[in-house]
Amino acid sequence: MKKQKGMVLLMVLLIFSVAVVLATSMIERQSIDIERSATLHIQQQARAFAYGAESAVRQGLYMDWEADKEKDHAGEEWAVDRTFPLDPGVINIQISDLQGRFNLNSLQPGSAAPTQEARFRNLLNLLGLNTEFASRWKAWLDKDSQADDEYYTHEPSYRAAYAACRHTSELMLITDLDLESYQKLEPYITCLPASAQLNVNTASAMVLASLDSEFSLADAQQVVAARGEEGFASVDDFWNLSQVEKFTREVSGGDPDDENVPASAWAKTDFSVATEYFGMFARIDIDERIATVEAGIMRARDTGMMTTYYRDFSRREARSIPAANE
């Protein structure tokens, strides 16, 4: 009898132990599900804020276009980084002028490609990087270069793009260009249509100095100082500066043996004081979780209509923007 009572007690204790384990497991799983649901809710909320930030940027850029359709410069409201409080959390928004950077797609096959390749070489040299990256990138864009012969030998092998880039990180696909080199270049480069002009009101001194090997960084810094806080009113104002005059005056009327006259003058159509292509980055911090959006926005010069042509949610921090005199 005592033995039977002992067995019953053991069975009761065993059942109770199993019930406790099951209950504990269910509570833990329920807690995980609740936390997962809360995380998904916050992520969706943050993503909604990210889209809202993009919409606000588009509206702000349209207002800027309405205020002045002829000129964009780094002293305007859109160029100021903004921070807005949320409940709870915070949102940070950064807008940049993509036409103030060197356009990688300007090396696509065409009459301007040799000039643009030289300028890319100058930029690489100013940054202390391998200038051969310029010719490799040009070959990457040109189907007649037969660059595939080089990339088929990589492990794993792949083909050259032979097409315009959509994001500057594609530059890392060319031979020997590593992350460290890319990070040095990233603040100064962009991927836009090959016809996009350089905005001399927002280009940094480094980008301006890359326009010609005879044009020094000190010269470019003087140009940045000359444009002031309001920027040049027109390309002519930039064109007639003493620092750039020898590069912009007509070659045909000069002495071809004069070493002070460059072999080929700059093309005025390469430059502008107004911008169509902007980049934005927004970071939303909510309850120790973040959401981000990086977008490329085209603003039509004649109508002000906005088009988001690029959007990415993977970038965690905004790309660095060099000071104007850097």
Protein backbone atom coordinates (compact mmCIF):
# COMPACT_ATOMS: atom_id res chain seq x y z
CA MET A 1 0.00 0.00 0.00
CA LYS A 2 2.80 2.40 0.96
CA LYS A 3 4.59 1.43 -2.22
CA GLN A 4 1.50 2.29 -4.31
CA LYS A 5 1.13 5.66 -2.56
CA GLY A 6 4.79 6.37 -3.28
CA MET A 7 4.32 5.57 -6.97
CA VAL A 8 1.24 7.82 -7.16
CA LEU A 9 3.18 10.65 -5.52
CA LEU A 10 6.03 10.20 -7.99
CA MET A 11 3.59 10.24 -10.90
CA VAL A 12 1.97 13.40 -9.57
CA LEU A 13 5.36 15.06 -9.14
CA LEU A 14 6.41 13.96 -12.64
CA ILE A 15 3.21 15.31 -14.21
CA PHE A 16 3.60 18.55 -12.23
CA SER A 17 7.23 18.88 -13.43
CA VAL A 18 6.23 18.31 -17.06
CA ALA A 19 3.42 20.85 -16.70
CA VAL A 20 5.84 23.41 -15.23
CA VAL A 21 8.33 22.84 -18.07
CA LEU A 22 5.58 23.16 -20.69
CA ALA A 23 4.18 26.29 -19.05
CA THR A 24 7.64 27.86 -18.83
CA SER A 25 8.32 27.03 -22.47
CA MET A 26 4.97 28.50 -23.53
CA ILE A 27 5.62 31.70 -21.54
CA GLU A 28 9.10 32.07 -23.05
CA ARG A 29 7.77 31.47 -26.56
CA GLN A 30 4.93 33.90 -25.97
CA SER A 31 7.41 36.51 -24.71
CA ILE A 32 9.56 35.99 -27.82
CA ASP A 33 6.49 36.31 -30.07
CA ILE A 34 5.42 39.48 -28.28
CA GLU A 35 8.91 40.95 -28.59
CA ARG A 36 9.09 39.94 -32.26
CA SER A 37 5.71 41.52 -32.94
CA ALA A 38 6.77 44.70 -31.13
CA THR A 39 10.00 44.81 -33.15
CA LEU A 40 8.13 44.35 -36.43
CA HIS A 41 5.66 47.04 -35.42
CA ILE A 42 8.46 49.49 -34.60
CA GLN A 43 10.29 48.63 -37.82
CA GLN A 44 7.13 49.23 -39.85
CA GLN A 45 6.56 52.47 -37.98
CA ALA A 46 10.16 53.57 -38.63
CA ARG A 47 9.86 52.62 -42.31
CA ALA A 48 6.69 54.73 -42.54
CA PHE A 49 8.62 57.65 -41.03
CA ALA A 50 11.38 57.06 -43.61
CA TYR A 51 8.89 57.35 -46.47
CA GLY A 52 7.45 60.42 -44.78
CA ALA A 53 10.92 61.96 -44.60
CA GLU A 54 11.42 61.38 -48.31
CA SER A 55 8.08 63.00 -49.06
CA ALA A 56 9.01 66.00 -46.91
CA VAL A 57 12.35 66.35 -48.73
CA ARG A 58 10.59 66.31 -52.10
CA GLN A 59 8.23 69.03 -50.92
CA GLY A 60 11.11 71.10 -49.58
CA LEU A 61 13.03 70.80 -52.84
CA TYR A 62 9.97 71.88 -54.77
CA MET A 63 9.62 74.95 -52.57
CA ASP A 64 13.29 75.70 -53.20
CA TRP A 65 12.69 75.40 -56.96
CA GLU A 66 9.74 77.79 -56.73
CA ALA A 67 11.89 80.32 -54.85
CA ASP A 68 14.75 80.28 -57.40
CA LYS A 69 14.74 78.15 -60.53
CA GLU A 70 18.07 79.45 -61.85
CA LYS A 71 20.50 78.77 -59.04
CA ASP A 72 21.32 76.25 -56.30
CA HIS A 73 24.12 76.69 -53.80
CA ALA A 74 25.36 75.23 -50.51
CA GLY A 75 23.99 78.15 -48.49
CA GLU A 76 20.35 77.26 -49.15
CA GLU A 77 17.96 75.72 -46.64
CA TRP A 78 18.01 72.28 -48.27
CA ALA A 79 21.76 71.98 -47.56
CA VAL A 80 21.31 72.22 -43.78
CA ASP A 81 21.13 68.89 -41.91
CA ARG A 82 17.91 68.61 -39.93
CA THR A 83 16.92 66.75 -36.75
CA PHE A 84 13.26 66.33 -35.77
CA PRO A 85 11.92 64.81 -32.51
CA LEU A 86 9.56 61.86 -32.59
CA ASP A 87 7.49 60.41 -29.74
CA PRO A 88 9.57 58.53 -28.83
CA GLY A 89 12.73 58.85 -30.90
CA VAL A 90 14.34 61.18 -33.42
CA ILE A 91 14.76 61.53 -37.16
CA ASN A 92 17.83 62.96 -38.91
CA ILE A 93 17.70 64.15 -42.55
CA GLN A 94 20.62 65.07 -44.80
CA ILE A 95 20.31 66.40 -48.37
CA SER A 96 23.24 66.71 -50.77
CA ASP A 97 23.75 67.97 -54.31
CA LEU A 98 24.79 65.00 -56.43
CA GLN A 99 25.88 67.35 -59.21
CA GLY A 100 28.59 68.72 -56.95
CA ARG A 101 30.54 65.46 -57.36
CA PHE A 102 32.48 63.75 -60.13
CA ASN A 103 30.08 61.73 -62.28
CA LEU A 104 31.44 58.21 -62.88
CA ASN A 105 29.14 57.79 -65.88
CA SER A 106 30.87 60.67 -67.67
CA LEU A 107 33.51 58.10 -68.71
CA GLN A 108 31.01 56.27 -70.90
CA PRO A 109 32.06 56.08 -74.57
CA GLY A 110 31.71 59.47 -76.24
CA SER A 111 33.58 62.57 -77.28
CA ALA A 112 34.01 63.79 -73.68
CA ALA A 113 35.30 60.49 -72.29
CA PRO A 114 39.07 61.28 -72.66
CA THR A 115 38.65 64.59 -70.84
CA GLN A 116 36.59 62.99 -68.09
CA GLU A 117 39.08 60.14 -67.72
CA ALA A 118 41.84 62.71 -67.23
CA ARG A 119 39.73 64.44 -64.59
CA PHE A 120 39.09 61.18 -62.79
CA ARG A 121 42.83 60.51 -62.82
CA ASN A 122 43.40 63.95 -61.30
CA LEU A 123 40.88 63.23 -58.54
CA LEU A 124 42.49 59.88 -57.78
CA ASN A 125 45.92 61.51 -57.68
CA LEU A 126 44.72 64.25 -55.32
CA LEU A 127 43.39 61.56 -52.97
CA GLY A 128 46.61 59.55 -53.14
CA LEU A 129 45.00 56.62 -54.97
CA ASN A 130 46.07 54.52 -57.95
CA THR A 131 45.37 56.60 -61.08
CA GLU A 132 45.01 53.40 -63.14
CA PHE A 133 41.56 53.00 -61.59
CA ALA A 134 40.39 55.62 -64.10
CA SER A 135 41.33 53.60 -67.19
CA ARG A 136 39.98 50.40 -65.61
CA TRP A 137 36.66 52.09 -64.88
CA LYS A 138 36.48 53.49 -68.40
CA ALA A 139 37.07 49.98 -69.77
CA TRP A 140 34.38 48.65 -67.41
CA LEU A 141 31.86 50.96 -69.07
CA ASP A 142 32.95 50.38 -72.68
CA LYS A 143 31.91 47.15 -74.42
CA ASP A 144 34.62 47.67 -77.05
CA SER A 145 37.33 47.47 -74.38
CA GLN A 146 36.98 43.67 -74.04
CA ALA A 147 37.46 44.04 -70.30
CA ASP A 148 35.78 40.66 -69.82
CA ASP A 149 39.12 39.02 -70.56
CA GLU A 150 40.39 40.43 -67.26
CA TYR A 151 37.37 39.70 -65.10
CA TYR A 152 36.88 36.14 -66.33
CA THR A 153 40.12 35.31 -64.51
CA HIS A 154 38.76 36.47 -61.14
CA GLU A 155 37.55 34.00 -58.55
CA PRO A 156 34.63 33.92 -58.84
CA SER A 157 34.69 35.14 -62.42
CA TYR A 158 32.23 37.76 -63.66
CA ARG A 159 31.66 40.08 -66.60
CA ALA A 160 32.23 43.79 -66.95
CA ALA A 161 29.03 45.83 -66.81
CA TYR A 162 29.38 47.72 -70.12
CA ALA A 163 26.58 49.91 -68.79
CA ALA A 164 26.13 53.05 -66.72
CA CYS A 165 26.45 52.62 -62.96
CA ARG A 166 23.45 53.13 -60.68
CA HIS A 167 25.38 53.25 -57.40
CA THR A 168 28.94 54.31 -56.70
CA SER A 169 29.70 51.05 -54.86
CA GLU A 170 29.85 49.34 -58.27
CA LEU A 171 33.30 50.91 -58.53
CA MET A 172 34.58 48.23 -56.15
CA LEU A 173 34.06 45.62 -58.86
CA ILE A 174 37.08 46.84 -60.81
CA THR A 175 40.46 45.23 -60.20
CA ASP A 176 42.30 46.11 -56.96
CA LEU A 177 39.92 48.86 -55.81
CA ASP A 178 39.33 47.88 -52.19
CA LEU A 179 36.99 49.22 -49.50
CA GLU A 180 39.57 51.63 -48.09
CA SER A 181 40.12 53.23 -51.51
CA TYR A 182 36.39 53.40 -52.13
CA GLN A 183 35.76 55.10 -48.79
CA LYS A 184 38.26 57.81 -49.74
CA LEU A 185 36.53 58.34 -53.07
CA GLU A 186 32.90 58.04 -52.00
CA PRO A 187 32.35 61.65 -50.82
CA TYR A 188 33.48 62.97 -54.22
CA ILE A 189 31.75 60.67 -56.74
CA THR A 190 28.24 59.95 -58.01
CA CYS A 191 26.38 57.97 -60.68
CA LEU A 192 24.22 60.24 -62.86
CA PRO A 193 23.33 60.42 -66.53
CA ALA A 194 26.48 61.16 -68.53
CA SER A 195 25.03 64.52 -69.62
CA ALA A 196 24.63 65.82 -66.03
CA GLN A 197 26.56 69.04 -65.49
CA LEU A 198 28.86 69.89 -62.58
CA ASN A 199 27.31 72.52 -60.30
CA VAL A 200 30.19 74.90 -59.58
CA ASN A 201 28.21 76.36 -56.67
CA THR A 202 28.30 73.11 -54.68
CA ALA A 203 31.39 71.27 -55.94
CA SER A 204 34.09 70.93 -53.30
CA ALA A 205 37.60 72.27 -53.85
CA MET A 206 38.82 68.70 -54.41
CA VAL A 207 36.36 68.11 -57.25
CA LEU A 208 37.11 71.51 -58.80
CA ALA A 209 40.86 70.87 -58.60
CA SER A 210 40.38 67.64 -60.57
CA LEU A 211 39.18 69.60 -63.60
CA ASP A 212 42.75 70.01 -64.84
CA SER A 213 46.18 68.85 -63.74
CA GLU A 214 47.36 72.47 -63.99
CA PHE A 215 44.58 73.63 -61.71
CA SER A 216 45.84 73.32 -58.13
CA LEU A 217 43.90 72.64 -54.96
CA ALA A 218 44.88 76.14 -53.78
CA ASP A 219 43.36 77.59 -56.97
CA ALA A 220 40.18 75.62 -56.37
CA GLN A 221 39.99 76.84 -52.77
CA GLN A 222 40.19 80.40 -54.07
CA VAL A 223 37.27 79.65 -56.40
CA VAL A 224 35.25 78.33 -53.45
CA ALA A 225 36.04 81.53 -51.54
CA ALA A 226 35.08 83.66 -54.56
CA ARG A 227 31.63 82.13 -54.89
CA GLY A 228 30.87 83.08 -51.28
CA GLU A 229 27.78 82.07 -49.35
CA GLU A 230 25.38 82.92 -52.20
CA GLY A 231 27.20 81.11 -55.01
CA PHE A 232 27.77 82.28 -58.57
CA ALA A 233 24.73 83.85 -60.22
CA SER A 234 25.70 82.27 -63.55
CA VAL A 235 28.35 80.07 -65.12
CA ASP A 236 29.80 83.24 -66.65
CA ASP A 237 30.78 84.46 -63.18
CA PHE A 238 32.78 81.27 -62.69
CA TRP A 239 34.05 81.31 -66.26
CA ASN A 240 35.64 84.74 -65.92
CA LEU A 241 37.49 84.16 -62.65
CA SER A 242 41.22 84.83 -62.88
CA GLN A 243 41.96 81.39 -61.43
CA VAL A 244 40.19 79.58 -64.26
CA GLU A 245 40.55 82.06 -67.13
CA LYS A 246 43.39 80.26 -68.87
CA PHE A 247 41.31 77.08 -68.98
CA THR A 248 38.16 78.75 -70.28
CA ARG A 249 39.33 81.23 -72.88
CA GLU A 250 39.04 80.26 -76.53
CA VAL A 251 42.04 78.31 -77.78
CA SER A 252 41.46 79.09 -81.44
CA GLY A 253 42.53 82.73 -81.10
CA GLY A 254 45.66 82.01 -79.11
CA ASP A 255 49.19 80.95 -79.87
CA PRO A 256 49.35 77.12 -80.00
CA ASP A 257 52.99 77.33 -78.85
CA ASP A 258 52.06 79.32 -75.75
CA GLU A 259 52.55 76.95 -72.82
CA ASN A 260 50.14 79.01 -70.73
CA VAL A 261 47.27 78.00 -73.02
CA PRO A 262 45.97 74.47 -72.37
CA ALA A 263 45.74 72.02 -75.27
CA SER A 264 41.96 72.06 -75.05
CA ALA A 265 39.81 74.58 -73.20
CA TRP A 266 37.09 73.49 -70.82
CA ALA A 267 33.64 73.09 -72.34
CA LYS A 268 31.15 75.52 -70.86
CA THR A 269 28.35 73.01 -71.30
CA ASP A 270 30.01 70.81 -68.65
CA PHE A 271 29.08 73.30 -65.93
CA SER A 272 25.98 74.72 -64.29
CA VAL A 273 24.86 76.74 -61.29
CA ALA A 274 21.57 74.85 -60.93
CA THR A 275 20.91 71.27 -59.88
CA GLU A 276 18.52 68.56 -61.00
CA TYR A 277 19.85 65.60 -58.99
CA PHE A 278 19.81 65.48 -55.20
CA GLY A 279 20.66 62.77 -52.71
CA MET A 280 18.90 62.35 -49.37
CA PHE A 281 19.59 60.21 -46.34
CA ALA A 282 17.22 59.82 -43.41
CA ARG A 283 17.85 57.89 -40.21
CA ILE A 284 15.00 57.18 -37.80
CA ASP A 285 15.81 56.07 -34.23
CA ILE A 286 12.84 54.65 -32.31
CA ASP A 287 13.06 52.69 -29.05
CA GLU A 288 16.70 51.65 -29.67
CA ARG A 289 15.85 50.48 -33.19
CA ILE A 290 16.67 52.25 -36.43
CA ALA A 291 15.42 52.50 -39.98
CA THR A 292 17.19 54.32 -42.80
CA VAL A 293 16.55 55.35 -46.37
CA GLU A 294 18.97 56.66 -48.96
CA ALA A 295 17.36 58.04 -52.11
CA GLY A 296 18.26 59.78 -55.33
CA ILE A 297 15.74 62.45 -56.35
CA MET A 298 15.56 64.14 -59.73
CA ARG A 299 13.94 67.57 -59.85
CA ALA A 300 12.99 68.60 -63.38
CA ARG A 301 14.49 72.01 -64.12
CA ASP A 302 11.55 73.27 -66.18
CA THR A 303 8.61 71.98 -64.09
CA GLY A 304 10.07 71.18 -60.67
CA MET A 305 8.46 67.73 -60.84
CA MET A 306 10.12 65.19 -58.52
CA THR A 307 11.11 61.64 -59.42
CA THR A 308 12.73 59.20 -56.99
CA TYR A 309 15.00 57.17 -59.27
CA TYR A 310 16.92 55.31 -56.59
CA ARG A 311 16.08 54.09 -53.08
CA ASP A 312 18.05 51.91 -50.66
CA PHE A 313 17.27 50.84 -47.10
CA SER A 314 20.53 49.03 -46.30
CA ARG A 315 22.88 51.93 -45.56
CA ARG A 316 23.25 52.59 -41.85
CA GLU A 317 25.03 55.96 -41.84
CA ALA A 318 24.97 58.91 -44.20
CA ARG A 319 27.95 59.28 -46.50
CA SER A 320 30.35 61.98 -45.38
CA ILE A 321 30.10 65.33 -47.16
CA PRO A 322 33.43 67.15 -47.44
CA ALA A 323 33.68 70.79 -46.48
CA ALA A 324 33.53 73.14 -49.48
CA ASN A 325 37.25 73.95 -49.28
CA GLU A 326 38.28 70.29 -49.07
